[in-house]
Amino acid sequence: MWPLETDVLVTLAENDAGPGSSGIHGFALAQLITPDPADRVIRGVTTEGGRWLVDTGLIYKALKRLERVGALTSRWEDPDVALAARRPRRRYYSLTQNGVARASKAPLVVRRRQRRRQLYDEDRSKNNRRRSPHTDFGN
């Protein structure tokens, strides 16, 4: 599994989007997932106001792949709900039993990524302390 797919599974599991739930729509997933800045394999990640955001196009590709392997199910929301909210219909995703099993194996991956992020942050703070005022350029 790709790191983003692992993030999707773990995020769905952490937000109670398991079998029988109403699920979470794709854009909300993109907002909930905070990718590891040290993970350079994730393309389409931008920082906006200090927060890392995943490109929604990448989320939907990951969701399709996970649905194809049976880790997720999806459903379209009621068109009347979308019409009343004056927006397009949303597709909601939830984990299957297969997805729950995959997500339960993911914490090891998530812990490794959290540790890498911690090391990345520590290294970054050390580098910021070592900067001389002449290389700061007013930042």
Protein backbone atom coordinates (compact mmCIF):
# COMPACT_ATOMS: atom_id res chain seq x y z
CA MET A 1 0.00 0.00 0.00
CA TRP A 2 1.11 3.56 -0.69
CA PRO A 3 1.58 5.91 2.28
CA LEU A 4 -1.43 8.00 1.28
CA GLU A 5 -3.65 4.90 1.17
CA THR A 6 -2.49 4.00 4.66
CA ASP A 7 -3.31 7.54 5.78
CA VAL A 8 -6.80 7.23 4.27
CA LEU A 9 -7.49 3.93 6.05
CA VAL A 10 -6.18 5.18 9.39
CA THR A 11 -8.09 8.47 9.10
CA LEU A 12 -11.34 6.64 8.34
CA ALA A 13 -10.74 4.29 11.28
CA GLU A 14 -9.88 7.15 13.66
CA ASN A 15 -13.04 8.99 12.65
CA ASP A 16 -15.40 6.04 13.17
CA ALA A 17 -16.09 5.54 9.47
CA GLY A 18 -16.27 1.76 9.73
CA PRO A 19 -18.82 -0.69 8.35
CA GLY A 20 -22.37 0.58 8.77
CA SER A 21 -21.35 4.20 9.34
CA SER A 22 -22.44 7.13 7.22
CA GLY A 23 -18.82 7.61 6.11
CA ILE A 24 -16.72 10.65 5.26
CA HIS A 25 -16.65 12.48 1.94
CA GLY A 26 -13.41 12.80 -0.02
CA PHE A 27 -12.74 16.50 0.52
CA ALA A 28 -13.21 16.12 4.28
CA LEU A 29 -10.63 13.31 4.18
CA ALA A 30 -8.18 15.59 2.39
CA GLN A 31 -8.63 18.12 5.19
CA LEU A 32 -8.25 15.51 7.95
CA ILE A 33 -5.08 13.92 6.61
CA THR A 34 -1.89 15.69 7.54
CA PRO A 35 0.91 14.08 5.55
CA ASP A 36 4.39 13.79 6.90
CA PRO A 37 6.52 16.60 5.42
CA ALA A 38 9.54 14.28 5.54
CA ASP A 39 7.71 11.87 3.24
CA ARG A 40 8.89 13.16 -0.10
CA VAL A 41 7.11 10.36 -2.01
CA ILE A 42 3.76 12.09 -1.58
CA ARG A 43 3.34 14.45 -4.49
CA GLY A 44 0.69 17.11 -4.59
CA VAL A 45 1.22 18.17 -1.00
CA THR A 46 1.21 21.88 -0.37
CA THR A 47 1.50 23.99 2.71
CA GLU A 48 -1.11 26.65 3.26
CA GLY A 49 -1.00 28.78 6.38
CA GLY A 50 1.43 26.35 7.99
CA ARG A 51 -0.86 23.33 7.42
CA TRP A 52 0.00 20.54 5.02
CA LEU A 53 -2.82 19.78 2.59
CA VAL A 54 -3.12 16.75 0.32
CA ASP A 55 -4.19 17.37 -3.25
CA THR A 56 -7.79 16.17 -3.55
CA GLY A 57 -7.06 14.49 -6.88
CA LEU A 58 -4.61 12.19 -5.11
CA ILE A 59 -7.17 11.40 -2.42
CA TYR A 60 -9.76 10.32 -4.99
CA LYS A 61 -7.24 8.10 -6.79
CA ALA A 62 -6.34 6.44 -3.49
CA LEU A 63 -10.03 6.04 -2.63
CA LYS A 64 -10.69 4.33 -5.98
CA ARG A 65 -7.77 1.94 -5.49
CA LEU A 66 -8.90 1.09 -1.96
CA GLU A 67 -12.46 0.53 -3.15
CA ARG A 68 -11.18 -1.70 -5.96
CA VAL A 69 -9.34 -3.97 -3.49
CA GLY A 70 -12.39 -4.15 -1.21
CA ALA A 71 -11.09 -2.01 1.66
CA LEU A 72 -13.79 0.66 1.22
CA THR A 73 -17.37 1.05 0.13
CA SER A 74 -18.89 4.27 -1.10
CA ARG A 75 -22.31 5.79 -1.59
CA TRP A 76 -23.67 8.96 -3.07
CA GLU A 77 -25.57 11.26 -0.74
CA ASP A 78 -29.23 11.97 -1.28
CA PRO A 79 -29.57 14.50 -4.14
CA ASP A 80 -32.16 16.47 -2.13
CA VAL A 81 -29.61 17.08 0.65
CA ALA A 82 -27.08 18.46 -1.83
CA LEU A 83 -29.75 20.57 -3.54
CA ALA A 84 -30.88 22.04 -0.22
CA ALA A 85 -27.25 22.91 0.60
CA ARG A 86 -26.80 24.36 -2.92
CA ARG A 87 -23.73 22.26 -3.71
CA PRO A 88 -22.83 19.16 -5.75
CA ARG A 89 -23.58 15.72 -4.33
CA ARG A 90 -20.91 14.18 -2.15
CA ARG A 91 -19.65 10.63 -2.26
CA TYR A 92 -19.18 9.14 1.21
CA TYR A 93 -16.59 6.46 1.95
CA SER A 94 -16.49 3.96 4.79
CA LEU A 95 -14.31 1.00 5.68
CA THR A 96 -15.30 -2.59 4.96
CA GLN A 97 -14.21 -5.44 7.27
CA ASN A 98 -11.21 -5.83 4.93
CA GLY A 99 -10.44 -2.13 5.39
CA VAL A 100 -10.74 -2.40 9.16
CA ALA A 101 -8.22 -5.27 9.11
CA ARG A 102 -5.84 -3.27 6.92
CA ALA A 103 -6.21 -0.18 9.13
CA SER A 104 -5.48 -2.24 12.25
CA LYS A 105 -2.12 -3.23 10.73
CA ALA A 106 -1.37 0.38 9.89
CA PRO A 107 -0.55 1.76 13.36
CA LEU A 108 2.96 0.35 13.08
CA VAL A 109 3.39 2.30 9.84
CA VAL A 110 1.84 5.38 11.42
CA ARG A 111 4.12 5.16 14.47
CA ARG A 112 7.15 4.91 12.18
CA ARG A 113 5.98 7.96 10.26
CA GLN A 114 5.33 9.88 13.49
CA ARG A 115 8.84 9.04 14.67
CA ARG A 116 10.31 10.20 11.34
CA ARG A 117 8.33 13.41 11.63
CA GLN A 118 9.56 13.93 15.19
CA LEU A 119 13.16 13.44 14.03
CA TYR A 120 12.52 15.79 11.10
CA ASP A 121 11.14 18.48 13.44
CA GLU A 122 14.03 18.08 15.88
CA ASP A 123 16.55 18.32 13.05
CA ARG A 124 14.78 21.37 11.65
CA SER A 125 14.77 23.14 15.01
CA LYS A 126 18.49 22.40 15.45
CA ASN A 127 19.20 23.87 12.03
CA ASN A 128 17.15 26.98 12.83
CA ARG A 129 19.13 27.56 16.04
CA ARG A 130 22.43 27.26 14.17
CA ARG A 131 21.52 29.94 11.63
CA SER A 132 23.44 33.14 11.81
CA PRO A 133 21.52 36.41 11.68
CA HIS A 134 23.09 37.10 8.28
CA THR A 135 21.48 34.04 6.67
CA ASP A 136 18.07 34.63 8.20
CA PHE A 137 16.94 37.10 5.50
CA GLY A 138 14.34 38.59 7.81
CA ASN A 139 12.34 35.36 8.36
